[in-house]
Amino acid sequence: MEKIPTKCSLSCSGNKNRVILRGKISHQPVSGTDFRKEAGRVNARQFYTPDYFAPSSGGRIFPAPHSLREADGLLRLPNGSRLAFNAYGDPEGFPLLYFHDTGSSRLEASLLHQGALRCGYRLIAFDRPGVGRSDYFVCKSPRSFCENLLSVLAELGIDRFGIVAKGGGGIYALHLCRMSPERVVAQVNLAGIPARALASPSGACALLAGVIPLAVDRLLRLKQFFSPDEPGAVLDKLREELSFSDKKVLARPEIADVLEADQAESVRAGYRGMAQDLAISFRKLEVPLEEIAVPTEIWHGCADRLTLRSDCEYLAARLPRARLHRVSQRGHFFFIHHMDQILGSLRRNSRESEMLLN
Protein backbone atom coordinates (compact mmCIF):
# COMPACT_ATOMS: atom_id res chain seq x y z
CA MET A 1 0.00 0.00 0.00
CA GLU A 2 1.39 3.37 -1.05
CA LYS A 3 1.94 5.73 1.86
CA ILE A 4 0.63 9.26 1.88
CA PRO A 5 3.18 11.94 1.00
CA THR A 6 5.51 12.95 3.81
CA LYS A 7 5.92 16.56 2.78
CA CYS A 8 3.91 18.88 5.01
CA SER A 9 3.99 22.30 6.56
CA LEU A 10 2.34 24.09 9.45
CA SER A 11 2.90 27.72 10.19
CA CYS A 12 1.33 30.54 12.14
CA SER A 13 2.63 33.98 12.91
CA GLY A 14 3.60 34.38 16.53
CA ASN A 15 3.43 30.68 17.39
CA LYS A 16 6.23 28.17 17.75
CA ASN A 17 5.34 24.88 16.15
CA ARG A 18 7.05 21.56 16.18
CA VAL A 19 6.64 19.03 13.43
CA ILE A 20 8.06 15.53 13.62
CA LEU A 21 8.56 13.80 10.29
CA ARG A 22 9.49 10.15 10.79
CA GLY A 23 11.15 10.87 14.10
CA LYS A 24 13.03 14.00 13.00
CA ILE A 25 12.35 17.33 14.66
CA SER A 26 12.11 20.70 13.01
CA HIS A 27 11.15 23.96 14.74
CA GLN A 28 10.72 24.30 18.50
CA PRO A 29 8.21 22.82 20.95
CA VAL A 30 5.02 24.80 21.26
CA SER A 31 4.82 25.06 25.03
CA GLY A 32 8.51 25.10 25.81
CA THR A 33 8.51 21.49 27.02
CA ASP A 34 11.42 19.49 25.66
CA PHE A 35 10.33 16.18 24.14
CA ARG A 36 13.52 15.59 22.13
CA LYS A 37 14.51 12.56 24.17
CA GLU A 38 11.37 10.75 23.07
CA ALA A 39 11.23 11.86 19.45
CA GLY A 40 13.47 9.11 18.13
CA ARG A 41 11.08 6.36 19.12
CA VAL A 42 8.05 7.89 17.41
CA ASN A 43 7.68 6.49 13.91
CA ALA A 44 4.83 8.78 13.00
CA ARG A 45 4.18 12.31 11.92
CA GLN A 46 3.23 14.64 14.72
CA PHE A 47 1.81 18.08 14.18
CA TYR A 48 1.84 20.52 17.09
CA THR A 49 -1.12 22.75 16.47
CA PRO A 50 -1.05 26.36 17.69
CA ASP A 51 -3.96 27.57 19.76
CA TYR A 52 -5.42 30.04 17.30
CA PHE A 53 -8.31 28.21 15.71
CA ALA A 54 -11.75 29.23 16.97
CA PRO A 55 -15.26 28.18 15.93
CA SER A 56 -16.77 30.43 13.30
CA SER A 57 -19.84 30.80 15.54
CA GLY A 58 -18.02 33.50 17.52
CA GLY A 59 -16.47 31.23 20.09
CA ARG A 60 -19.76 29.75 21.33
CA ILE A 61 -20.57 26.11 20.65
CA PHE A 62 -24.16 25.33 19.73
CA PRO A 63 -25.16 21.65 19.87
CA ALA A 64 -27.78 20.18 17.57
CA PRO A 65 -31.03 22.15 17.73
CA HIS A 66 -33.36 19.18 18.27
CA SER A 67 -34.07 17.67 21.67
CA LEU A 68 -30.97 15.98 23.07
CA ARG A 69 -32.95 13.09 24.48
CA GLU A 70 -34.68 12.08 21.25
CA ALA A 71 -33.34 9.44 18.87
CA ASP A 72 -33.63 10.21 15.17
CA GLY A 73 -34.29 6.57 14.40
CA LEU A 74 -34.15 2.93 15.45
CA LEU A 75 -32.65 0.40 13.05
CA ARG A 76 -33.71 -3.23 13.25
CA LEU A 77 -30.73 -5.61 13.34
CA PRO A 78 -30.77 -9.16 11.91
CA ASN A 79 -31.08 -10.52 15.47
CA GLY A 80 -34.23 -8.47 16.05
CA SER A 81 -32.66 -5.89 18.35
CA ARG A 82 -32.92 -2.16 17.69
CA LEU A 83 -29.99 0.20 17.27
CA ALA A 84 -30.61 3.88 18.04
CA PHE A 85 -28.92 6.66 16.10
CA ASN A 86 -28.86 10.44 15.76
CA ALA A 87 -27.74 12.36 12.69
CA TYR A 88 -25.95 15.70 13.02
CA GLY A 89 -24.40 18.19 10.64
CA ASP A 90 -25.44 18.53 7.00
CA PRO A 91 -28.32 16.15 6.08
CA GLU A 92 -27.04 16.07 2.49
CA GLY A 93 -23.35 15.78 3.38
CA PHE A 94 -20.91 12.91 3.02
CA PRO A 95 -21.62 10.37 5.81
CA LEU A 96 -19.35 10.01 8.83
CA LEU A 97 -20.00 7.26 11.38
CA TYR A 98 -19.37 8.39 14.95
CA PHE A 99 -18.23 5.94 17.66
CA HIS A 100 -18.77 7.42 21.13
CA ASP A 101 -16.38 6.98 24.05
CA THR A 102 -16.84 4.30 26.70
CA GLY A 103 -19.33 5.60 29.26
CA SER A 104 -20.98 7.96 26.78
CA SER A 105 -23.80 7.72 24.25
CA ARG A 106 -24.74 8.90 20.78
CA LEU A 107 -25.47 12.35 22.26
CA GLU A 108 -21.73 12.96 22.60
CA ALA A 109 -21.62 13.61 18.86
CA SER A 110 -23.92 16.63 19.21
CA LEU A 111 -20.84 18.61 20.28
CA LEU A 112 -19.57 18.24 16.71
CA HIS A 113 -22.85 19.26 15.08
CA GLN A 114 -21.85 22.78 14.06
CA GLY A 115 -18.45 21.70 12.80
CA ALA A 116 -19.96 18.94 10.67
CA LEU A 117 -22.56 21.37 9.35
CA ARG A 118 -19.95 23.94 8.33
CA CYS A 119 -17.72 21.29 6.72
CA GLY A 120 -20.55 19.59 4.84
CA TYR A 121 -20.57 16.25 6.68
CA ARG A 122 -23.49 14.13 7.82
CA LEU A 123 -22.40 12.81 11.23
CA ILE A 124 -24.28 9.66 12.29
CA ALA A 125 -23.84 8.47 15.88
CA PHE A 126 -25.03 5.08 17.16
CA ASP A 127 -25.71 3.86 20.68
CA ARG A 128 -23.97 0.55 21.28
CA PRO A 129 -25.95 -2.43 22.71
CA GLY A 130 -27.67 -1.54 25.98
CA VAL A 131 -26.47 2.07 25.85
CA GLY A 132 -28.96 4.92 25.47
CA ARG A 133 -31.96 3.83 23.44
CA SER A 134 -30.36 0.80 21.79
CA ASP A 135 -31.65 -2.60 22.92
CA TYR A 136 -29.31 -4.69 25.00
CA PHE A 137 -27.98 -7.87 23.45
CA VAL A 138 -24.87 -9.92 24.09
CA CYS A 139 -21.94 -8.50 22.15
CA LYS A 140 -18.66 -10.21 22.94
CA SER A 141 -16.33 -8.34 20.61
CA PRO A 142 -16.01 -5.16 18.53
CA ARG A 143 -16.20 -7.31 15.42
CA SER A 144 -19.63 -8.59 16.42
CA PHE A 145 -20.96 -5.06 16.79
CA CYS A 146 -19.39 -3.92 13.51
CA GLU A 147 -20.95 -6.84 11.64
CA ASN A 148 -24.37 -5.77 12.91
CA LEU A 149 -23.67 -2.16 12.02
CA LEU A 150 -22.61 -2.96 8.46
CA SER A 151 -25.78 -4.97 7.97
CA VAL A 152 -28.03 -1.94 8.50
CA LEU A 153 -26.08 0.85 6.78
CA ALA A 154 -27.99 0.15 3.58
CA GLU A 155 -31.18 1.33 5.33
CA LEU A 156 -29.52 4.72 5.73
CA GLY A 157 -28.41 4.76 2.11
CA ILE A 158 -24.74 4.57 3.08
CA ASP A 159 -22.20 2.81 0.88
CA ARG A 160 -18.88 4.54 1.51
CA PHE A 161 -18.19 6.60 4.59
CA GLY A 162 -15.64 8.14 6.92
CA ILE A 163 -15.25 7.54 10.65
CA VAL A 164 -14.87 9.76 13.70
CA ALA A 165 -14.14 7.94 16.98
CA LYS A 166 -13.45 9.17 20.50
CA GLY A 167 -11.54 7.24 23.17
CA GLY A 168 -12.89 3.71 23.63
CA GLY A 169 -14.97 4.08 20.48
CA GLY A 170 -11.71 3.91 18.54
CA ILE A 171 -11.52 0.17 19.24
CA TYR A 172 -14.67 -0.39 17.20
CA ALA A 173 -13.51 2.01 14.50
CA LEU A 174 -10.23 0.15 13.98
CA HIS A 175 -12.04 -3.17 13.63
CA LEU A 176 -14.45 -1.68 11.11
CA CYS A 177 -11.55 -0.28 9.08
CA ARG A 178 -9.97 -3.73 8.95
CA MET A 179 -13.24 -5.50 8.13
CA SER A 180 -14.36 -3.18 5.33
CA PRO A 181 -11.41 -1.07 4.10
CA GLU A 182 -12.95 -0.58 0.67
CA ARG A 183 -15.86 1.33 2.22
CA VAL A 184 -13.97 3.49 4.75
CA VAL A 185 -12.32 6.43 3.00
CA ALA A 186 -10.58 7.81 6.12
CA GLN A 187 -10.92 8.00 9.89
CA VAL A 188 -10.31 10.51 12.68
CA ASN A 189 -9.33 9.29 16.14
CA LEU A 190 -9.82 11.65 19.08
CA ALA A 191 -7.53 10.97 22.06
CA GLY A 192 -6.32 7.50 21.04
CA ILE A 193 -7.67 4.23 22.45
CA PRO A 194 -7.25 2.61 25.90
CA ALA A 195 -3.77 1.16 26.39
CA ARG A 196 -5.25 -2.09 27.70
CA ALA A 197 -6.57 -2.83 24.19
CA LEU A 198 -3.01 -2.58 22.85
CA ALA A 199 -1.38 -4.69 25.58
CA SER A 200 -0.34 -8.30 25.12
CA PRO A 201 -3.15 -10.74 25.97
CA SER A 202 -3.00 -12.30 29.41
CA GLY A 203 -5.04 -14.56 31.62
CA ALA A 204 -5.85 -11.60 33.86
CA CYS A 205 -7.34 -9.64 30.95
CA ALA A 206 -9.42 -12.63 29.89
CA LEU A 207 -10.68 -13.07 33.44
CA LEU A 208 -11.54 -9.39 33.78
CA ALA A 209 -13.42 -9.42 30.47
CA GLY A 210 -15.66 -12.12 31.87
CA VAL A 211 -16.14 -10.70 35.37
CA ILE A 212 -16.38 -6.95 34.74
CA PRO A 213 -19.88 -6.78 33.15
CA LEU A 214 -21.56 -8.46 36.12
CA ALA A 215 -19.38 -6.70 38.71
CA VAL A 216 -19.89 -3.22 37.26
CA ASP A 217 -23.63 -3.77 36.90
CA ARG A 218 -24.00 -4.89 40.54
CA LEU A 219 -21.71 -2.23 41.99
CA LEU A 220 -23.35 0.61 40.10
CA ARG A 221 -26.83 -0.59 41.06
CA LEU A 222 -25.85 -0.68 44.74
CA LYS A 223 -24.25 2.75 44.56
CA GLN A 224 -27.24 4.31 42.86
CA PHE A 225 -29.60 2.69 45.39
CA PHE A 226 -27.75 3.84 48.51
CA SER A 227 -26.13 7.02 47.21
CA PRO A 228 -27.69 8.19 43.95
CA ASP A 229 -25.83 10.86 42.01
CA GLU A 230 -27.51 14.23 41.73
CA PRO A 231 -27.65 15.84 38.29
CA GLY A 232 -24.23 17.21 37.49
CA ALA A 233 -22.46 15.15 40.18
CA VAL A 234 -20.58 13.13 37.57
CA LEU A 235 -19.27 16.31 35.98
CA ASP A 236 -18.30 17.69 39.38
CA LYS A 237 -16.14 14.61 39.97
CA LEU A 238 -14.73 14.88 36.47
CA ARG A 239 -13.69 18.49 37.02
CA GLU A 240 -11.38 17.40 39.83
CA GLU A 241 -9.30 15.41 37.34
CA LEU A 242 -9.26 17.89 34.49
CA SER A 243 -6.69 20.43 33.42
CA PHE A 244 -7.36 24.16 33.67
CA SER A 245 -8.16 24.28 29.96
CA ASP A 246 -10.84 21.59 30.30
CA LYS A 247 -12.34 23.21 33.40
CA LYS A 248 -12.89 26.35 31.34
CA VAL A 249 -14.71 24.28 28.72
CA LEU A 250 -17.00 22.66 31.30
CA ALA A 251 -17.77 26.08 32.76
CA ARG A 252 -19.74 26.87 29.61
CA PRO A 253 -23.44 26.03 30.19
CA GLU A 254 -24.09 24.77 26.66
CA ILE A 255 -21.24 22.25 26.99
CA ALA A 256 -22.12 21.14 30.51
CA ASP A 257 -25.75 20.59 29.46
CA VAL A 258 -24.71 18.27 26.65
CA LEU A 259 -22.33 16.29 28.84
CA GLU A 260 -24.91 15.91 31.61
CA ALA A 261 -27.52 14.71 29.12
CA ASP A 262 -24.98 12.34 27.58
CA GLN A 263 -24.10 10.78 30.94
CA ALA A 264 -27.75 10.31 31.86
CA GLU A 265 -28.59 8.86 28.46
CA SER A 266 -25.76 6.32 28.57
CA VAL A 267 -27.41 4.50 31.51
CA ARG A 268 -31.07 5.29 30.87
CA ALA A 269 -31.83 1.55 30.42
CA GLY A 270 -29.53 0.40 33.23
CA TYR A 271 -25.85 -0.39 33.50
CA ARG A 272 -25.61 -3.63 31.52
CA GLY A 273 -24.74 -1.85 28.29
CA MET A 274 -22.03 0.28 29.86
CA ALA A 275 -20.62 -2.73 31.71
CA GLN A 276 -20.46 -4.78 28.52
CA ASP A 277 -18.86 -1.90 26.62
CA LEU A 278 -16.24 -1.53 29.35
CA ALA A 279 -15.53 -5.25 29.31
CA ILE A 280 -14.92 -5.17 25.56
CA SER A 281 -12.33 -2.44 26.08
CA PHE A 282 -10.32 -4.90 28.19
CA ARG A 283 -9.93 -7.25 25.24
CA LYS A 284 -6.87 -7.04 23.06
CA LEU A 285 -7.43 -5.82 19.51
CA GLU A 286 -8.30 -8.75 17.28
CA VAL A 287 -6.51 -7.27 14.26
CA PRO A 288 -2.85 -6.21 13.87
CA LEU A 289 -2.53 -2.45 13.58
CA GLU A 290 -0.04 -2.90 10.74
CA GLU A 291 -2.85 -4.36 8.59
CA ILE A 292 -5.14 -1.34 8.90
CA ALA A 293 -4.36 0.74 5.81
CA VAL A 294 -7.17 3.29 6.07
CA PRO A 295 -5.80 6.87 6.25
CA THR A 296 -5.97 7.93 9.90
CA GLU A 297 -5.72 11.30 11.65
CA ILE A 298 -5.01 10.98 15.40
CA TRP A 299 -5.59 14.01 17.61
CA HIS A 300 -4.56 14.59 21.22
CA GLY A 301 -4.60 17.59 23.57
CA CYS A 302 -1.23 18.39 25.15
CA ALA A 303 -2.94 19.17 28.49
CA ASP A 304 -5.14 16.06 28.52
CA ARG A 305 -5.06 14.40 31.95
CA LEU A 306 -7.52 11.62 31.08
CA THR A 307 -5.60 9.98 28.23
CA LEU A 308 -1.91 9.35 27.66
CA ARG A 309 0.24 10.81 24.91
CA SER A 310 2.12 7.51 24.72
CA ASP A 311 -1.07 5.65 23.73
CA CYS A 312 -1.56 7.99 20.78
CA GLU A 313 2.11 7.70 19.79
CA TYR A 314 1.97 3.90 19.93
CA LEU A 315 -1.12 3.88 17.73
CA ALA A 316 0.31 6.35 15.23
CA ALA A 317 3.64 4.54 15.00
CA ARG A 318 2.03 1.24 13.99
CA LEU A 319 -0.75 2.29 11.66
CA PRO A 320 0.76 2.44 8.14
CA ARG A 321 -0.98 5.67 7.12
CA ALA A 322 -1.41 7.64 10.34
CA ARG A 323 -0.62 11.21 11.33
CA LEU A 324 -0.54 12.38 14.94
CA HIS A 325 -1.61 15.93 15.79
CA ARG A 326 -1.04 17.36 19.27
CA VAL A 327 -2.97 20.48 20.18
CA SER A 328 -1.11 22.91 22.41
CA GLN A 329 -2.72 24.37 25.54
CA ARG A 330 -5.80 22.17 25.18
CA GLY A 331 -6.95 19.16 27.17
CA HIS A 332 -9.37 16.27 26.77
CA PHE A 333 -12.00 18.47 25.13
CA PHE A 334 -9.62 20.00 22.60
CA PHE A 335 -11.99 19.16 19.75
CA ILE A 336 -14.49 21.75 21.03
CA HIS A 337 -12.15 24.50 19.78
CA HIS A 338 -10.77 22.71 16.71
CA MET A 339 -13.74 21.02 15.04
CA ASP A 340 -13.25 22.67 11.66
CA GLN A 341 -9.55 21.84 11.57
CA ILE A 342 -10.11 18.23 12.65
CA LEU A 343 -12.80 17.62 10.05
CA GLY A 344 -10.64 19.44 7.52
CA SER A 345 -7.88 16.88 8.07
CA LEU A 346 -10.42 14.16 7.37
CA ARG A 347 -11.41 15.83 4.12
CA ARG A 348 -7.77 16.02 3.02
CA ASN A 349 -7.21 12.35 3.78
CA SER A 350 -10.46 11.40 2.05
CA ARG A 351 -9.23 13.00 -1.17
CA GLU A 352 -5.90 11.19 -0.93
CA SER A 353 -7.70 7.90 -0.37
CA GLU A 354 -9.89 8.46 -3.42
CA MET A 355 -6.82 9.15 -5.56
CA LEU A 356 -5.23 5.86 -4.50
CA LEU A 357 -8.40 3.85 -5.06
CA ASN A 358 -9.27 5.28 -8.49
Foldseek 3Di string as FASTA:
>chain_A
DDADDQDDDDDDPPFWWWKQGQLDIDTDHGVNDDPNVPSNVFRFIETAAEPDFFDPVVNDFAFDPDDLQDFPDWFQFPVRWTKTKHKAAAPPAAEEEEFEAQLWANLVCRLLRVLNNVVRYIYMYIGFAQFFPTHHDDDLALLSRLVRVVVGVVVVVAQAHEYEYEEQSVLSVQNNLLVCVVRYLAYEYEQFYDVLQADDDDPVLVVCLVPQLVVVQVVVVVCCVVPNDDQPNVVVVVLVQADPQVVVVCVDVSNVVSVSSGNCSRAVVGCNSSSNSVSNSNHHRPDFLLSRARAYEYEAEPRERPHDPVNSSVSRRRHSHYHYYYYYPHYSVVCSGVSNVSVVVVVVSSVVSVVVVD
